[in-house]
Amino acid sequence: MFLSPKDKVLFEKLKAENKTSLIILCLLSEKEAHGYELKKRIIQCDLLEWANIKISSIYPTLNKLVSMGAIVGHQEKRGNNPECKVFKITKNGKKMLQKAFKEHFKTGSKPSIPKFLIGSHFLGCFKNKESISMLADLNKDMAEYKEKLIMKIEKLKNETDYFHLLPIEIEIEIMDVLLRKTNEIMKNMNQYIHKA
């Protein structure tokens, strides 16, 4: 994905921000919303615990994203409620979001369940082929990590007792579940693409 030099600077700022920024951008890429609506959606999607979001950080994060040019806000009256500021993601914000999530899905050395859950929740922010590509990369990283764990168990088997190996075995089982789930999601997405 091409980012202009200005966008690259903004992307680096976004990366320095916490997960709250990414989640707000994802939610705004689905539809525009005011701060209270975002708060409700974050709670409804159980993202507070997954991403360790503090509700009090939502409004300061919105202000930072506006100053970065990732979102814009405008006053709007909805129903009988007083006017409120409604936010919408910009074209640059969408580019930054896509790049940030591609980075998020790059697991590095150790895949994690929260990373998988947060990332998979927002796959809809991307085109199906991009989502499949990100999942395939994640799947590859998880498979490699699982192999490292298996080799670690083989190495430690004769050096330690069963109870020291148990956490590693549990982690291998978790990787198996995540691998099955990503394969299932990719299969369903491929079927969906071919039907469309």
Protein backbone atom coordinates (compact mmCIF):
# COMPACT_ATOMS: atom_id res chain seq x y z
CA MET A 1 0.00 0.00 0.00
CA PHE A 2 1.41 3.37 -1.03
CA LEU A 3 1.61 6.11 1.58
CA SER A 4 2.85 9.60 0.77
CA PRO A 5 5.68 10.99 2.95
CA LYS A 6 3.10 13.01 4.91
CA ASP A 7 0.93 9.88 5.39
CA LYS A 8 3.98 7.92 6.55
CA VAL A 9 4.60 10.47 9.30
CA LEU A 10 0.93 10.22 10.33
CA PHE A 11 1.12 6.42 10.22
CA GLU A 12 4.15 6.44 12.55
CA LYS A 13 2.17 8.67 14.94
CA LEU A 14 -0.76 6.26 14.73
CA LYS A 15 1.50 3.29 15.49
CA ALA A 16 2.75 5.15 18.54
CA GLU A 17 -0.84 5.57 19.69
CA ASN A 18 -2.50 2.78 21.63
CA LYS A 19 -4.95 0.15 20.38
CA THR A 20 -7.80 2.53 21.17
CA SER A 21 -6.90 4.53 18.04
CA LEU A 22 -7.00 1.45 15.84
CA ILE A 23 -10.31 0.27 17.25
CA ILE A 24 -11.90 3.70 16.89
CA LEU A 25 -10.69 3.91 13.28
CA CYS A 26 -12.09 0.44 12.59
CA LEU A 27 -15.45 1.29 14.10
CA LEU A 28 -15.59 4.54 12.14
CA SER A 29 -14.70 2.70 8.93
CA GLU A 30 -17.87 0.66 9.44
CA LYS A 31 -20.03 3.78 9.98
CA GLU A 32 -19.74 7.30 11.32
CA ALA A 33 -20.56 7.82 14.99
CA HIS A 34 -20.36 10.21 17.91
CA GLY A 35 -18.28 9.48 21.00
CA TYR A 36 -21.07 7.91 23.03
CA GLU A 37 -22.02 5.56 20.16
CA LEU A 38 -18.38 4.48 19.89
CA LYS A 39 -18.28 3.83 23.63
CA LYS A 40 -21.43 1.65 23.38
CA ARG A 41 -20.06 -0.29 20.40
CA ILE A 42 -16.73 -0.90 22.15
CA ILE A 43 -18.60 -2.27 25.17
CA GLN A 44 -21.02 -4.35 23.03
CA CYS A 45 -18.13 -5.94 21.13
CA ASP A 46 -16.28 -6.79 24.37
CA LEU A 47 -13.30 -4.78 23.20
CA LEU A 48 -12.64 -3.17 26.58
CA GLU A 49 -10.88 -6.21 27.98
CA TRP A 50 -9.37 -7.52 24.74
CA ALA A 51 -7.67 -4.25 23.91
CA ASN A 52 -7.35 -2.95 27.48
CA ILE A 53 -9.26 0.21 26.56
CA LYS A 54 -10.12 2.78 29.17
CA ILE A 55 -13.46 4.47 28.44
CA SER A 56 -11.97 7.79 29.58
CA SER A 57 -9.46 7.59 26.69
CA ILE A 58 -12.06 7.61 23.91
CA TYR A 59 -12.61 11.39 23.65
CA PRO A 60 -8.90 12.34 23.90
CA THR A 61 -8.17 9.70 21.25
CA LEU A 62 -10.86 11.14 18.98
CA ASN A 63 -9.25 14.59 19.34
CA LYS A 64 -5.79 13.17 18.53
CA LEU A 65 -7.15 11.37 15.46
CA VAL A 66 -8.79 14.62 14.26
CA SER A 67 -5.51 16.51 14.68
CA MET A 68 -3.70 13.74 12.75
CA GLY A 69 -6.19 14.04 9.87
CA ALA A 70 -7.31 10.42 10.28
CA ILE A 71 -10.90 11.42 11.07
CA VAL A 72 -13.08 14.50 10.75
CA GLY A 73 -15.95 15.64 12.93
CA HIS A 74 -19.04 17.66 12.23
CA GLN A 75 -21.97 18.83 14.35
CA GLU A 76 -25.19 16.92 13.77
CA LYS A 77 -28.62 16.75 15.37
CA ARG A 78 -30.07 13.25 15.67
CA GLY A 79 -33.73 12.91 16.55
CA ASN A 80 -34.76 14.84 19.66
CA ASN A 81 -31.23 14.76 21.07
CA PRO A 82 -29.09 17.89 21.25
CA GLU A 83 -26.45 18.49 18.58
CA CYS A 84 -23.35 16.36 18.97
CA LYS A 85 -20.09 15.92 17.13
CA VAL A 86 -20.19 12.98 14.73
CA PHE A 87 -16.91 11.54 13.49
CA LYS A 88 -16.06 9.92 10.18
CA ILE A 89 -12.86 8.31 8.93
CA THR A 90 -10.98 10.12 6.15
CA LYS A 91 -9.36 8.58 3.09
CA ASN A 92 -5.97 9.02 4.79
CA GLY A 93 -7.36 7.50 7.97
CA LYS A 94 -8.49 4.45 6.04
CA LYS A 95 -5.01 4.05 4.49
CA MET A 96 -3.41 4.36 7.93
CA LEU A 97 -5.87 1.87 9.38
CA GLN A 98 -5.19 -0.73 6.71
CA LYS A 99 -1.44 -0.38 7.12
CA ALA A 100 -1.69 -0.48 10.92
CA PHE A 101 -3.80 -3.65 10.86
CA LYS A 102 -1.45 -5.34 8.47
CA GLU A 103 1.28 -4.53 10.99
CA HIS A 104 -0.98 -5.76 13.81
CA PHE A 105 -1.47 -9.13 12.12
CA LYS A 106 2.28 -9.55 11.68
CA THR A 107 2.78 -11.56 14.80
CA GLY A 108 6.54 -11.49 15.10
CA SER A 109 7.82 -14.12 17.48
CA LYS A 110 4.74 -15.02 19.50
CA PRO A 111 1.12 -14.98 18.28
CA SER A 112 -1.42 -14.09 20.92
CA ILE A 113 -5.10 -14.74 21.43
CA PRO A 114 -5.97 -11.07 22.10
CA LYS A 115 -4.15 -10.06 18.89
CA PHE A 116 -6.06 -12.74 16.95
CA LEU A 117 -9.42 -11.79 18.49
CA ILE A 118 -9.01 -8.05 17.97
CA GLY A 119 -7.67 -8.50 14.46
CA SER A 120 -10.29 -10.99 13.35
CA HIS A 121 -13.08 -8.80 14.73
CA PHE A 122 -12.13 -6.09 12.24
CA LEU A 123 -11.36 -8.13 9.12
CA GLY A 124 -14.49 -6.59 7.63
CA CYS A 125 -12.63 -3.26 7.40
CA PHE A 126 -10.72 -4.67 4.44
CA LYS A 127 -11.44 -6.15 1.07
CA ASN A 128 -11.91 -9.92 1.26
CA LYS A 129 -8.69 -10.71 -0.60
CA GLU A 130 -6.70 -8.45 1.76
CA SER A 131 -8.33 -10.16 4.75
CA ILE A 132 -7.46 -13.60 3.40
CA SER A 133 -3.88 -12.50 2.78
CA MET A 134 -3.53 -11.18 6.34
CA LEU A 135 -5.02 -14.38 7.76
CA ALA A 136 -2.69 -16.51 5.64
CA ASP A 137 0.31 -14.57 7.02
CA LEU A 138 -1.02 -14.97 10.55
CA ASN A 139 -1.59 -18.69 9.96
CA LYS A 140 1.98 -19.12 8.74
CA ASP A 141 3.36 -17.30 11.82
CA MET A 142 1.22 -19.39 14.18
CA ALA A 143 2.30 -22.64 12.50
CA GLU A 144 5.97 -21.64 12.81
CA TYR A 145 5.49 -20.68 16.45
CA LYS A 146 3.76 -24.00 17.15
CA GLU A 147 6.71 -25.86 15.61
CA LYS A 148 9.09 -23.92 17.89
CA LEU A 149 7.00 -24.96 20.89
CA ILE A 150 7.05 -28.61 19.81
CA MET A 151 10.83 -28.50 19.42
CA LYS A 152 11.10 -26.87 22.84
CA ILE A 153 9.08 -29.69 24.43
CA GLU A 154 11.22 -32.32 22.72
CA LYS A 155 14.35 -30.64 24.02
CA LEU A 156 13.02 -30.26 27.58
CA LYS A 157 11.29 -33.66 27.87
CA ASN A 158 14.26 -35.39 29.46
CA GLU A 159 15.39 -32.37 31.46
CA THR A 160 12.28 -31.48 33.43
CA ASP A 161 9.11 -32.91 34.90
CA TYR A 162 5.65 -32.97 33.32
CA PHE A 163 4.34 -29.95 35.26
CA HIS A 164 6.97 -27.67 33.72
CA LEU A 165 5.96 -28.85 30.24
CA LEU A 166 2.22 -28.41 30.82
CA PRO A 167 2.06 -24.65 29.98
CA ILE A 168 3.89 -25.29 26.70
CA GLU A 169 1.50 -28.14 25.83
CA ILE A 170 -1.46 -25.88 26.59
CA GLU A 171 0.00 -23.20 24.33
CA ILE A 172 0.37 -25.77 21.53
CA GLU A 173 -3.31 -26.70 21.91
CA ILE A 174 -4.27 -23.02 21.76
CA MET A 175 -2.24 -22.62 18.55
CA ASP A 176 -4.07 -25.68 17.11
CA VAL A 177 -7.43 -24.03 17.83
CA LEU A 178 -6.33 -20.70 16.31
CA LEU A 179 -4.92 -22.46 13.24
CA ARG A 180 -8.16 -24.39 12.71
CA LYS A 181 -10.18 -21.21 13.14
CA THR A 182 -8.11 -19.16 10.68
CA ASN A 183 -8.32 -21.97 8.13
CA GLU A 184 -12.09 -22.11 8.60
CA ILE A 185 -12.43 -18.32 8.20
CA MET A 186 -10.26 -18.32 5.06
CA LYS A 187 -12.25 -21.21 3.57
CA ASN A 188 -15.56 -19.40 4.23
CA MET A 189 -14.21 -16.14 2.81
CA ASN A 190 -12.96 -17.90 -0.33
CA GLN A 191 -16.38 -19.53 -0.81
CA TYR A 192 -18.03 -16.14 -0.35
CA ILE A 193 -15.71 -14.51 -2.92
CA HIS A 194 -16.38 -17.24 -5.48
CA LYS A 195 -20.16 -16.96 -5.01
CA ALA A 196 -20.11 -13.18 -5.52
